Amino acid sequence: MAGSSVTVDLSQAMITAHVAAADWLVVAPSLITILGGSLCLMLRKHTSLQPKLGNAFLGLLVLANLALLARVLDHGIITMVMGNWLPPFGIAFTVDTLGATLSLIASIVAFCAGIFGSATVDATGRRYGFYPFLLLLMTGVCGAFLTGDIFNLYVWFEVLLISSYGLLILGNDRIQLDGAVKYGVLNLIGTNLFLIATGLLYGIFGTLNMADIAMKAAALEGAATGTLATVAALYFLAFAMKAAAFPVNFWLPASYHTPNVVVSAVFAGLLTKVGVYALIRVFVLILPESRAYMADVIALVAIATLMTGAIGALAQSEVRRLLGYVVIAGIGAMLAGVAVGSTLAVSGAVFYAVHSIIVMTALYMAAGVMKLIGGSYDLRKLGGLYNKNAAFAAVFLVLAFAVSGLPPFSGFWPKIILVDAAFADGRAWLAAAILLSGFLTTLAMGRVWIFAFWRGGPEGTPDGELATATATEGSASLAGGAIWVPLGILTALVIYFGLQPEWMLELSTQGASGVVEPLGYLRSVFGEQG
């Protein structure tokens, strides 16, 4: 009737309580990067303004993620549901220590890349979108780390992939287009597998909320077999492609050496780690029984990835291709943590992901400096870099030790944790593969040091002859802080996490506990009923 009134109890369908002001930090990374990317795009013709504007927003992103991590550590896991719909109907952002930590580290790396790019990306690259693409890439990366919805994870993957395509072909060289085709085809296949698996998962559980799926999967009899096993296999293949795990890793060394070196640095640091993060979320948090069922397969893939990466690095003479294989070897170490699946193992994988994000970005930046000083990425054409810049030689040696897992730098601790976890799980062969891969990586990085830094000149010339003649090459490009400040920040983090690992060990352990024993995660989404 026209005059009647109906009282609707919105509390049964929607969250009626006001959101705490500090909890809006959950969506701050996405808002900052979207706004910053849009503004940079509108002002793309003002090439001199692009670095200032882009780096200002990347700096705000670091501050927002730092505040978000502090909020999570202080108040526990935070959940915000879009439209105030009660879970699982609304799309949820659920931020735990794992997601907040990786989002912070990713933003620090992107900020350093933005500064480095101000010296290495020319006016044409700025005009055609380096900073808008970088900011929108970070929208996808941070969104993937912070979402609590499996389909939303797919959406953020798409955002970061679209942005990465733009960065990959920035410059429009033939080799870049060739690398983009290889990169695009494999990621397109992986994305379709991801979408198919997500559709099947929704058909089984009728929900896409990660916490809801985790509860329903735990209550499902025979959860490790049948249709759910097929879904798990599809997810593993999809995320293995994105993480560049064996045998679907050939796209990475075929494409990461083609763009501007700062783009390669961002890709090496961030993109494959999002794939590893997705594996941890799906196989440890959502489908732990499927992970246990597939543990031996995941372990074999981890070993093959470790060996492929390390041996491939030994076979390369182009520095960026060599570093691409080092990235792959690191992915194998993280997969070893997923294969074991204990809190110790997952914490080792998380710590290794943080270490790899930092050190691989720094190594690609160092490769760019090698090119500026020595004029080439080819080890056969490099030599005498120690005589040209001893400080840079020391920085590179620190990074080489770190990526090889040698003390006292950041790569040592996660490898020790992963080896310990593998032995505790009765997988001595997995521990041996991690150690052997580290040894081979040491040889590969030692080869770079000897050829590029220690010997006096390039191949075929008397030692020292060319080093003196080209001692000032690239000095103009190396002037100022835009090259050295970001490289120095990342190297300082590598040293700090090696000498003072307690803080990162605590964050990694807390992040791992939240996915291995997800009661706190479930209660954040559903309250005490979780």
Protein backbone atom coordinates (compact mmCIF):
# COMPACT_ATOMS: atom_id res chain seq x y z
CA MET A 1 0.00 0.00 0.00
CA ALA A 2 1.12 3.55 -0.75
CA GLY A 3 0.94 4.65 2.86
CA SER A 4 2.58 1.57 4.41
CA SER A 5 6.16 1.40 5.52
CA VAL A 6 8.40 -1.64 5.68
CA THR A 7 11.30 -1.88 8.09
CA VAL A 8 14.29 -3.63 6.59
CA ASP A 9 16.96 -5.03 8.86
CA LEU A 10 20.05 -4.08 6.85
CA SER A 11 22.33 -5.68 9.44
CA GLN A 12 21.40 -9.08 7.99
CA ALA A 13 22.85 -8.16 4.59
CA MET A 14 25.15 -5.21 5.04
CA ILE A 15 27.77 -3.86 7.41
CA THR A 16 26.08 -0.96 9.18
CA ALA A 17 28.93 0.04 11.51
CA HIS A 18 31.17 2.89 10.45
CA VAL A 19 34.54 1.90 9.06
CA ALA A 20 37.42 3.08 11.24
CA ALA A 21 39.31 5.91 9.56
CA ALA A 22 42.61 4.01 9.74
CA ASP A 23 41.08 1.00 7.94
CA TRP A 24 40.72 3.10 4.78
CA LEU A 25 44.45 2.45 4.41
CA VAL A 26 43.37 -0.88 2.89
CA VAL A 27 42.33 0.81 -0.34
CA ALA A 28 44.84 3.68 -0.19
CA PRO A 29 47.49 1.92 -2.36
CA SER A 30 44.99 1.37 -5.17
CA LEU A 31 43.61 4.90 -4.96
CA ILE A 32 47.05 6.54 -4.88
CA THR A 33 48.37 4.61 -7.89
CA ILE A 34 45.20 5.01 -9.99
CA LEU A 35 45.07 8.73 -9.29
CA GLY A 36 48.80 9.16 -9.88
CA GLY A 37 48.76 7.11 -13.07
CA SER A 38 45.80 9.06 -14.42
CA LEU A 39 47.41 12.40 -13.64
CA CYS A 40 50.71 11.39 -15.23
CA LEU A 41 48.81 10.21 -18.30
CA MET A 42 46.98 13.52 -18.66
CA LEU A 43 50.27 15.41 -18.35
CA ARG A 44 52.32 12.99 -20.47
CA LYS A 45 53.43 15.75 -22.86
CA HIS A 46 55.18 17.53 -19.99
CA THR A 47 58.13 15.13 -20.00
CA SER A 48 60.21 17.14 -17.51
CA LEU A 49 57.35 17.00 -15.00
CA GLN A 50 56.78 13.23 -15.29
CA PRO A 51 59.59 12.05 -12.93
CA LYS A 52 58.65 14.56 -10.22
CA LEU A 53 54.97 13.72 -10.40
CA GLY A 54 55.42 9.97 -10.74
CA ASN A 55 57.97 9.71 -7.94
CA ALA A 56 55.83 11.86 -5.65
CA PHE A 57 52.96 9.38 -5.97
CA LEU A 58 55.31 6.41 -5.60
CA GLY A 59 56.63 8.00 -2.40
CA LEU A 60 53.06 8.40 -1.14
CA LEU A 61 52.51 4.72 -1.97
CA VAL A 62 55.45 3.73 0.24
CA LEU A 63 54.08 5.81 3.13
CA ALA A 64 50.57 4.36 2.70
CA ASN A 65 51.87 0.78 2.71
CA LEU A 66 54.09 1.49 5.71
CA ALA A 67 51.09 2.85 7.61
CA LEU A 68 48.99 -0.14 6.50
CA LEU A 69 51.57 -2.64 7.77
CA ALA A 70 51.78 -0.75 11.07
CA ARG A 71 47.98 -0.88 11.34
CA VAL A 72 47.92 -4.65 10.71
CA LEU A 73 50.69 -5.30 13.23
CA ASP A 74 48.90 -3.17 15.81
CA HIS A 75 45.27 -4.26 15.29
CA GLY A 76 45.49 -7.60 13.47
CA ILE A 77 44.07 -8.62 10.10
CA ILE A 78 41.82 -6.00 8.48
CA THR A 79 38.88 -6.74 6.17
CA MET A 80 36.98 -4.18 4.14
CA VAL A 81 34.10 -5.29 1.89
CA MET A 82 33.13 -3.17 -1.10
CA GLY A 83 29.63 -1.68 -0.96
CA ASN A 84 29.35 -2.67 2.73
CA TRP A 85 27.88 -6.03 1.72
CA LEU A 86 28.49 -8.74 4.26
CA PRO A 87 31.00 -11.39 3.18
CA PRO A 88 31.03 -13.43 1.07
CA PHE A 89 28.71 -11.39 -1.17
CA GLY A 90 30.80 -8.22 -1.36
CA ILE A 91 34.28 -8.16 -2.86
CA ALA A 92 36.63 -8.24 0.12
CA PHE A 93 40.03 -6.70 0.70
CA THR A 94 41.59 -8.70 3.52
CA VAL A 95 45.02 -7.52 4.61
CA ASP A 96 47.21 -9.72 6.78
CA THR A 97 50.91 -9.48 7.60
CA LEU A 98 51.88 -11.43 4.48
CA GLY A 99 50.05 -9.16 2.05
CA ALA A 100 50.97 -5.93 3.82
CA THR A 101 54.67 -6.87 3.99
CA LEU A 102 54.94 -7.76 0.31
CA SER A 103 52.96 -4.67 -0.68
CA LEU A 104 55.36 -2.46 1.28
CA ILE A 105 58.49 -4.06 -0.17
CA ALA A 106 57.02 -3.86 -3.68
CA SER A 107 56.28 -0.14 -3.25
CA ILE A 108 59.83 0.57 -2.02
CA VAL A 109 61.24 -1.18 -5.08
CA ALA A 110 58.88 0.72 -7.40
CA PHE A 111 59.89 4.03 -5.79
CA CYS A 112 63.56 3.19 -6.35
CA ALA A 113 62.75 2.23 -9.96
CA GLY A 114 60.96 5.54 -10.47
CA ILE A 115 64.04 7.46 -9.30
CA PHE A 116 66.34 5.29 -11.43
CA GLY A 117 64.04 5.78 -14.41
CA SER A 118 64.38 9.55 -14.15
CA ALA A 119 67.99 9.10 -15.31
CA THR A 120 67.59 6.15 -17.69
CA VAL A 121 64.23 6.74 -19.42
CA ASP A 122 64.47 9.41 -22.12
CA ALA A 123 61.87 12.02 -23.05
CA THR A 124 60.26 9.69 -25.58
CA GLY A 125 59.80 6.98 -22.96
CA ARG A 126 58.28 9.47 -20.55
CA ARG A 127 55.96 10.84 -23.22
CA TYR A 128 54.75 7.37 -24.13
CA GLY A 129 53.89 6.39 -20.61
CA PHE A 130 56.71 5.07 -18.42
CA TYR A 131 55.38 6.63 -15.22
CA PRO A 132 51.65 6.03 -15.89
CA PHE A 133 52.39 2.41 -16.72
CA LEU A 134 54.61 2.00 -13.65
CA LEU A 135 51.95 3.43 -11.34
CA LEU A 136 49.19 1.30 -12.85
CA LEU A 137 51.46 -1.73 -12.62
CA MET A 138 51.68 -1.03 -8.91
CA THR A 139 47.87 -0.78 -8.77
CA GLY A 140 47.74 -4.40 -9.92
CA VAL A 141 50.64 -5.59 -7.75
CA CYS A 142 49.34 -4.02 -4.52
CA GLY A 143 45.77 -5.04 -5.33
CA ALA A 144 46.85 -8.67 -5.79
CA PHE A 145 48.66 -8.66 -2.43
CA LEU A 146 45.72 -7.11 -0.56
CA THR A 147 42.62 -8.74 -2.05
CA GLY A 148 40.60 -11.40 -0.25
CA ASP A 149 38.63 -12.54 -3.32
CA ILE A 150 39.97 -15.06 -5.83
CA PHE A 151 38.27 -13.45 -8.83
CA ASN A 152 39.49 -10.05 -7.71
CA LEU A 153 42.98 -11.57 -7.67
CA TYR A 154 42.44 -12.45 -11.34
CA VAL A 155 41.36 -8.85 -12.06
CA TRP A 156 44.46 -7.40 -10.42
CA PHE A 157 46.61 -9.83 -12.42
CA GLU A 158 45.02 -8.42 -15.56
CA VAL A 159 45.71 -4.85 -14.45
CA LEU A 160 49.39 -5.52 -13.84
CA LEU A 161 49.75 -7.53 -17.05
CA ILE A 162 48.20 -4.82 -19.22
CA SER A 163 50.55 -2.27 -17.67
CA SER A 164 53.52 -4.59 -18.11
CA TYR A 165 52.79 -4.96 -21.84
CA GLY A 166 53.00 -1.18 -22.18
CA LEU A 167 56.31 -1.05 -20.30
CA LEU A 168 57.74 -3.97 -22.26
CA ILE A 169 57.32 -2.32 -25.68
CA LEU A 170 58.27 1.18 -24.51
CA GLY A 171 60.72 2.25 -27.19
CA ASN A 172 59.13 0.21 -29.98
CA ASP A 173 62.33 -1.60 -30.95
CA ARG A 174 62.06 -4.82 -32.92
CA ILE A 175 63.66 -6.87 -30.13
CA GLN A 176 61.15 -5.44 -27.65
CA LEU A 177 58.21 -6.44 -29.83
CA ASP A 178 59.69 -9.93 -30.18
CA GLY A 179 60.07 -10.23 -26.40
CA ALA A 180 56.55 -8.89 -25.86
CA VAL A 181 55.05 -11.58 -28.12
CA LYS A 182 56.71 -14.38 -26.14
CA TYR A 183 55.80 -12.75 -22.85
CA GLY A 184 52.23 -12.08 -23.94
CA VAL A 185 51.43 -15.52 -25.37
CA LEU A 186 52.50 -17.46 -22.29
CA ASN A 187 50.81 -15.05 -19.91
CA LEU A 188 47.64 -15.18 -22.01
CA ILE A 189 47.58 -18.97 -21.67
CA GLY A 190 48.22 -18.71 -17.93
CA THR A 191 45.48 -16.12 -17.52
CA ASN A 192 42.95 -18.32 -19.32
CA LEU A 193 43.87 -21.29 -17.14
CA PHE A 194 43.46 -19.07 -14.08
CA LEU A 195 40.00 -17.99 -15.24
CA ILE A 196 38.90 -21.56 -16.07
CA ALA A 197 40.06 -22.81 -12.66
CA THR A 198 38.23 -19.95 -10.94
CA GLY A 199 35.02 -20.77 -12.81
CA LEU A 200 35.27 -24.42 -11.73
CA LEU A 201 35.99 -23.36 -8.17
CA TYR A 202 32.88 -21.18 -8.12
CA GLY A 203 30.87 -24.11 -9.50
CA ILE A 204 32.03 -26.28 -6.60
CA PHE A 205 31.64 -23.83 -3.71
CA GLY A 206 29.31 -21.09 -4.99
CA THR A 207 31.63 -18.38 -3.65
CA LEU A 208 34.85 -16.61 -4.61
CA ASN A 209 35.74 -15.22 -1.19
CA MET A 210 39.03 -16.80 -0.13
CA ALA A 211 38.05 -17.22 3.52
CA ASP A 212 34.69 -18.75 2.56
CA ILE A 213 36.34 -21.18 0.15
CA ALA A 214 38.90 -22.15 2.81
CA MET A 215 36.13 -23.03 5.29
CA LYS A 216 34.07 -24.96 2.76
CA ALA A 217 37.09 -26.82 1.37
CA ALA A 218 38.08 -27.90 4.88
CA ALA A 219 34.61 -29.36 5.39
CA LEU A 220 34.55 -31.12 2.00
CA GLU A 221 35.23 -34.86 2.13
CA GLY A 222 37.90 -35.98 -0.30
CA ALA A 223 38.92 -32.37 -0.89
CA ALA A 224 42.29 -33.41 -2.34
CA THR A 225 40.82 -35.58 -5.09
CA GLY A 226 38.15 -35.44 -7.77
CA THR A 227 37.12 -32.17 -9.35
CA LEU A 228 38.96 -30.10 -6.77
CA ALA A 229 42.21 -31.86 -7.67
CA THR A 230 41.67 -30.77 -11.27
CA VAL A 231 41.07 -27.20 -10.12
CA ALA A 232 44.26 -27.30 -8.03
CA ALA A 233 46.26 -28.63 -10.98
CA LEU A 234 44.96 -25.84 -13.23
CA TYR A 235 45.81 -23.23 -10.63
CA PHE A 236 49.29 -24.66 -10.22
CA LEU A 237 49.94 -24.60 -13.96
CA ALA A 238 48.56 -21.05 -14.30
CA PHE A 239 50.59 -19.63 -11.44
CA ALA A 240 53.67 -21.64 -12.43
CA MET A 241 53.54 -19.91 -15.82
CA LYS A 242 53.29 -16.50 -14.19
CA ALA A 243 56.06 -17.32 -11.72
CA ALA A 244 58.30 -18.76 -14.49
CA ALA A 245 58.59 -22.23 -12.97
CA PHE A 246 59.86 -25.23 -14.93
CA PRO A 247 58.93 -26.21 -17.65
CA VAL A 248 56.96 -23.06 -18.54
CA ASN A 249 59.77 -20.60 -17.77
CA PHE A 250 61.34 -20.10 -21.19
CA TRP A 251 59.45 -16.85 -21.78
CA LEU A 252 61.32 -15.01 -19.00
CA PRO A 253 64.93 -15.11 -20.29
CA ALA A 254 63.54 -14.55 -23.80
CA SER A 255 61.80 -11.29 -22.83
CA TYR A 256 63.29 -9.68 -19.71
CA HIS A 257 66.45 -8.56 -21.50
CA THR A 258 64.56 -6.63 -24.20
CA PRO A 259 63.10 -3.48 -22.52
CA ASN A 260 64.80 -0.54 -20.85
CA VAL A 261 66.87 -1.90 -17.98
CA VAL A 262 64.74 -0.18 -15.31
CA VAL A 263 61.69 -1.99 -16.72
CA SER A 264 63.60 -5.28 -16.56
CA ALA A 265 64.46 -4.45 -12.94
CA VAL A 266 60.81 -3.92 -11.99
CA PHE A 267 59.71 -7.09 -13.80
CA ALA A 268 62.45 -9.22 -12.22
CA GLY A 269 61.67 -7.88 -8.78
CA LEU A 270 57.89 -7.99 -8.79
CA LEU A 271 56.01 -9.92 -11.45
CA THR A 272 57.14 -13.47 -10.77
CA LYS A 273 56.71 -12.91 -7.01
CA VAL A 274 53.03 -12.14 -7.51
CA GLY A 275 52.73 -15.62 -9.05
CA VAL A 276 54.47 -17.18 -6.04
CA TYR A 277 52.24 -15.20 -3.68
CA ALA A 278 49.16 -16.52 -5.51
CA LEU A 279 50.48 -20.08 -5.10
CA ILE A 280 50.86 -19.54 -1.36
CA ARG A 281 47.37 -18.08 -1.03
CA VAL A 282 45.66 -20.81 -3.06
CA PHE A 283 47.61 -23.88 -1.97
CA VAL A 284 48.38 -23.07 1.66
CA LEU A 285 45.38 -20.97 2.71
CA ILE A 286 42.52 -22.10 0.46
CA LEU A 287 43.34 -25.67 -0.63
CA PRO A 288 45.82 -27.12 1.89
CA GLU A 289 44.71 -30.71 1.31
CA SER A 290 45.31 -30.33 -2.41
CA ARG A 291 48.76 -28.92 -1.64
CA ALA A 292 49.57 -31.95 0.51
CA TYR A 293 48.28 -34.23 -2.26
CA MET A 294 50.48 -32.49 -4.85
CA ALA A 295 53.49 -31.92 -2.58
CA ASP A 296 55.79 -34.35 -4.40
CA VAL A 297 54.92 -32.85 -7.79
CA ILE A 298 55.52 -29.32 -6.51
CA ALA A 299 58.85 -30.43 -5.01
CA LEU A 300 59.97 -31.96 -8.32
CA VAL A 301 59.02 -28.76 -10.15
CA ALA A 302 60.93 -26.77 -7.53
CA ILE A 303 64.07 -28.88 -8.05
CA ALA A 304 63.83 -28.62 -11.84
CA THR A 305 63.33 -24.85 -11.58
CA LEU A 306 66.30 -24.48 -9.24
CA MET A 307 68.58 -26.44 -11.55
CA THR A 308 67.31 -24.89 -14.77
CA GLY A 309 67.88 -21.41 -13.42
CA ALA A 310 71.35 -22.05 -12.01
CA ILE A 311 72.67 -24.01 -15.01
CA GLY A 312 71.09 -21.55 -17.45
CA ALA A 313 72.86 -18.67 -15.68
CA LEU A 314 76.20 -20.42 -16.09
CA ALA A 315 75.64 -20.72 -19.84
CA GLN A 316 74.97 -17.01 -20.50
CA SER A 317 77.31 -14.25 -21.62
CA GLU A 318 74.69 -11.46 -21.78
CA VAL A 319 74.31 -10.06 -18.27
CA ARG A 320 70.55 -9.46 -18.42
CA ARG A 321 69.86 -12.96 -19.79
CA LEU A 322 72.07 -14.39 -17.04
CA LEU A 323 70.09 -12.48 -14.41
CA GLY A 324 66.84 -13.78 -15.93
CA TYR A 325 67.96 -17.32 -15.14
CA VAL A 326 68.95 -16.25 -11.62
CA VAL A 327 65.36 -15.02 -11.18
CA ILE A 328 64.16 -18.49 -12.21
CA ALA A 329 66.46 -20.21 -9.71
CA GLY A 330 65.00 -18.05 -6.94
CA ILE A 331 61.48 -19.08 -7.93
CA GLY A 332 62.53 -22.70 -7.42
CA ALA A 333 63.60 -21.93 -3.85
CA MET A 334 60.23 -20.32 -3.09
CA LEU A 335 58.39 -23.28 -4.62
CA ALA A 336 60.34 -25.54 -2.26
CA GLY A 337 58.68 -23.71 0.63
CA VAL A 338 55.24 -24.27 -0.91
CA ALA A 339 56.02 -27.97 -1.44
CA VAL A 340 56.87 -28.51 2.23
CA GLY A 341 53.99 -26.31 3.40
CA SER A 342 54.90 -26.02 7.09
CA THR A 343 54.95 -22.69 8.89
CA LEU A 344 58.76 -22.75 8.84
CA ALA A 345 58.88 -23.52 5.12
CA VAL A 346 56.33 -20.90 4.14
CA SER A 347 58.09 -18.29 6.27
CA GLY A 348 61.29 -19.15 4.41
CA ALA A 349 59.50 -18.72 1.08
CA VAL A 350 58.09 -15.34 2.19
CA PHE A 351 61.49 -14.12 3.41
CA TYR A 352 63.05 -15.34 0.17
CA ALA A 353 60.40 -13.47 -1.83
CA VAL A 354 61.23 -10.23 0.02
CA HIS A 355 64.94 -10.81 -0.51
CA SER A 356 64.47 -11.63 -4.20
CA ILE A 357 62.27 -8.58 -4.86
CA ILE A 358 65.02 -6.33 -3.51
CA VAL A 359 68.15 -8.03 -4.80
CA MET A 360 66.95 -8.82 -8.34
CA THR A 361 65.76 -5.24 -8.85
CA ALA A 362 69.14 -3.99 -7.63
CA LEU A 363 71.07 -6.42 -9.85
CA TYR A 364 69.25 -5.30 -12.99
CA MET A 365 69.94 -1.69 -12.04
CA ALA A 366 73.58 -2.67 -11.56
CA ALA A 367 73.53 -4.21 -15.04
CA GLY A 368 72.35 -0.85 -16.36
CA VAL A 369 75.27 0.87 -14.62
CA MET A 370 77.63 -1.72 -16.15
CA LYS A 371 76.29 -0.76 -19.56
CA LEU A 372 76.77 2.96 -18.85
CA ILE A 373 80.35 2.45 -17.66
CA GLY A 374 81.48 -0.36 -19.96
CA GLY A 375 79.31 0.24 -23.01
CA SER A 376 77.83 -3.27 -23.25
CA TYR A 377 75.83 -6.00 -21.52
CA ASP A 378 78.03 -8.68 -23.11
CA LEU A 379 80.62 -10.17 -20.75
CA ARG A 380 82.96 -10.68 -23.71
CA LYS A 381 82.99 -6.91 -24.29
CA LEU A 382 83.31 -5.89 -20.65
CA GLY A 383 86.36 -5.61 -18.45
CA GLY A 384 88.20 -3.32 -16.09
CA LEU A 385 85.07 -2.02 -14.32
CA TYR A 386 86.80 -2.31 -10.95
CA ASN A 387 89.45 0.16 -12.07
CA LYS A 388 86.79 2.53 -13.42
CA ASN A 389 84.60 2.58 -10.30
CA ALA A 390 85.72 0.63 -7.24
CA ALA A 391 82.68 1.65 -5.17
CA PHE A 392 80.29 0.26 -7.76
CA ALA A 393 82.38 -2.92 -7.92
CA ALA A 394 81.88 -3.33 -4.16
CA VAL A 395 78.12 -2.81 -4.52
CA PHE A 396 77.91 -5.44 -7.23
CA LEU A 397 79.93 -7.92 -5.13
CA VAL A 398 77.51 -7.45 -2.21
CA LEU A 399 74.55 -8.12 -4.49
CA ALA A 400 76.28 -11.15 -6.04
CA PHE A 401 76.93 -12.64 -2.60
CA ALA A 402 73.34 -11.94 -1.54
CA VAL A 403 71.68 -13.56 -4.56
CA SER A 404 73.93 -16.60 -4.11
CA GLY A 405 72.75 -17.02 -0.53
CA LEU A 406 76.10 -16.26 1.09
CA PRO A 407 76.48 -14.60 4.50
CA PRO A 408 76.24 -11.98 5.83
CA PHE A 409 73.60 -10.75 3.35
CA SER A 410 69.83 -11.12 2.95
CA GLY A 411 69.81 -14.30 0.84
CA PHE A 412 71.52 -16.37 3.52
CA TRP A 413 68.70 -16.53 6.07
CA PRO A 414 65.79 -17.66 3.88
CA LYS A 415 67.93 -20.37 2.30
CA ILE A 416 68.92 -21.66 5.73
CA ILE A 417 65.25 -21.69 6.76
CA LEU A 418 64.18 -23.51 3.60
CA VAL A 419 66.94 -26.12 3.96
CA ASP A 420 66.01 -26.67 7.61
CA ALA A 421 62.32 -27.02 6.71
CA ALA A 422 63.10 -29.48 3.91
CA PHE A 423 65.19 -31.68 6.24
CA ALA A 424 62.47 -31.50 8.92
CA ASP A 425 59.95 -32.74 6.33
CA GLY A 426 62.20 -35.65 5.33
CA ARG A 427 63.02 -34.13 1.91
CA ALA A 428 66.82 -34.18 2.00
CA TRP A 429 66.96 -34.20 -1.80
CA LEU A 430 65.04 -30.92 -1.89
CA ALA A 431 67.45 -29.38 0.61
CA ALA A 432 70.37 -30.64 -1.48
CA ALA A 433 68.89 -29.02 -4.60
CA ILE A 434 68.59 -25.66 -2.82
CA LEU A 435 72.24 -25.83 -1.72
CA LEU A 436 73.49 -27.02 -5.12
CA SER A 437 71.57 -24.25 -6.89
CA GLY A 438 73.13 -21.70 -4.54
CA PHE A 439 76.59 -23.06 -5.31
CA LEU A 440 76.03 -22.90 -9.08
CA THR A 441 74.59 -19.38 -8.77
CA THR A 442 77.75 -18.39 -6.89
CA LEU A 443 79.82 -19.66 -9.82
CA ALA A 444 77.66 -17.78 -12.33
CA MET A 445 77.87 -14.50 -10.42
CA GLY A 446 81.58 -15.05 -9.80
CA ARG A 447 82.03 -15.38 -13.54
CA VAL A 448 80.38 -11.99 -14.04
CA TRP A 449 82.66 -10.45 -11.42
CA ILE A 450 85.83 -11.92 -12.93
CA PHE A 451 85.01 -11.04 -16.55
CA ALA A 452 83.43 -7.61 -16.08
CA PHE A 453 85.25 -6.25 -13.03
CA TRP A 454 88.44 -8.11 -12.23
CA ARG A 455 90.12 -8.55 -15.60
CA GLY A 456 91.65 -5.42 -17.07
CA GLY A 457 89.84 -5.24 -20.40
CA PRO A 458 87.40 -6.94 -22.77
CA GLU A 459 88.05 -10.29 -24.40
CA GLY A 460 90.89 -10.19 -26.95
CA THR A 461 92.63 -7.09 -25.56
CA PRO A 462 95.60 -6.87 -23.22
CA ASP A 463 94.54 -6.33 -19.62
CA GLY A 464 94.22 -2.66 -18.80
CA GLU A 465 94.60 -1.39 -22.36
CA LEU A 466 90.95 -0.53 -22.99
CA ALA A 467 90.13 0.15 -19.35
CA THR A 468 92.21 3.32 -19.34
CA ALA A 469 91.02 4.45 -22.75
CA THR A 470 87.35 4.31 -21.74
CA ALA A 471 87.65 5.18 -18.07
CA THR A 472 85.35 8.18 -18.37
CA GLU A 473 82.75 6.55 -20.62
CA GLY A 474 79.30 7.05 -19.17
CA SER A 475 80.53 9.45 -16.50
CA ALA A 476 78.05 12.12 -17.56
CA SER A 477 75.18 9.64 -17.37
CA LEU A 478 76.35 8.49 -13.95
CA ALA A 479 76.48 11.97 -12.46
CA GLY A 480 73.91 12.86 -9.82
CA GLY A 481 71.89 10.79 -7.38
CA ALA A 482 69.23 9.35 -9.69
CA ILE A 483 71.49 6.36 -10.42
CA TRP A 484 73.20 5.88 -7.08
CA VAL A 485 70.44 6.68 -4.57
CA PRO A 486 68.04 3.85 -5.58
CA LEU A 487 70.87 1.37 -6.01
CA GLY A 488 72.26 2.43 -2.63
CA ILE A 489 68.87 2.09 -0.90
CA LEU A 490 68.34 -1.44 -2.21
CA THR A 491 71.90 -2.51 -1.40
CA ALA A 492 71.53 -1.09 2.11
CA LEU A 493 68.36 -3.20 2.58
CA VAL A 494 70.24 -6.29 1.38
CA ILE A 495 72.95 -5.65 3.99
CA TYR A 496 70.47 -4.71 6.74
CA PHE A 497 68.31 -7.82 6.32
CA GLY A 498 71.48 -9.89 6.38
CA LEU A 499 72.99 -8.36 9.50
CA GLN A 500 69.70 -7.66 11.32
CA PRO A 501 67.21 -10.28 10.08
CA GLU A 502 65.04 -10.37 13.22
CA TRP A 503 62.38 -7.94 11.98
CA MET A 504 61.92 -9.67 8.64
CA LEU A 505 62.04 -13.10 10.29
CA GLU A 506 59.23 -12.01 12.60
CA LEU A 507 57.14 -10.62 9.74
CA SER A 508 57.73 -13.72 7.61
CA THR A 509 56.81 -16.08 10.45
CA GLN A 510 53.69 -14.09 11.30
CA GLY A 511 52.68 -13.96 7.64
CA ALA A 512 53.25 -17.70 7.22
CA SER A 513 51.31 -18.54 10.39
CA GLY A 514 48.36 -16.55 9.07
CA VAL A 515 48.00 -18.78 6.01
CA VAL A 516 49.05 -22.13 7.50
CA GLU A 517 46.71 -21.67 10.50
CA PRO A 518 44.10 -19.27 9.08
CA LEU A 519 41.71 -18.94 12.04
CA GLY A 520 42.58 -15.26 12.45
CA TYR A 521 42.09 -14.66 8.73
CA LEU A 522 38.68 -16.36 8.78
CA ARG A 523 37.54 -14.42 11.87
CA SER A 524 38.60 -11.16 10.27
CA VAL A 525 36.20 -11.85 7.40
CA PHE A 526 33.31 -13.57 9.19
CA GLY A 527 33.74 -12.57 12.82
CA GLU A 528 33.78 -15.13 15.63
CA GLN A 529 31.79 -17.61 13.51
CA GLY A 530 34.83 -17.97 11.18
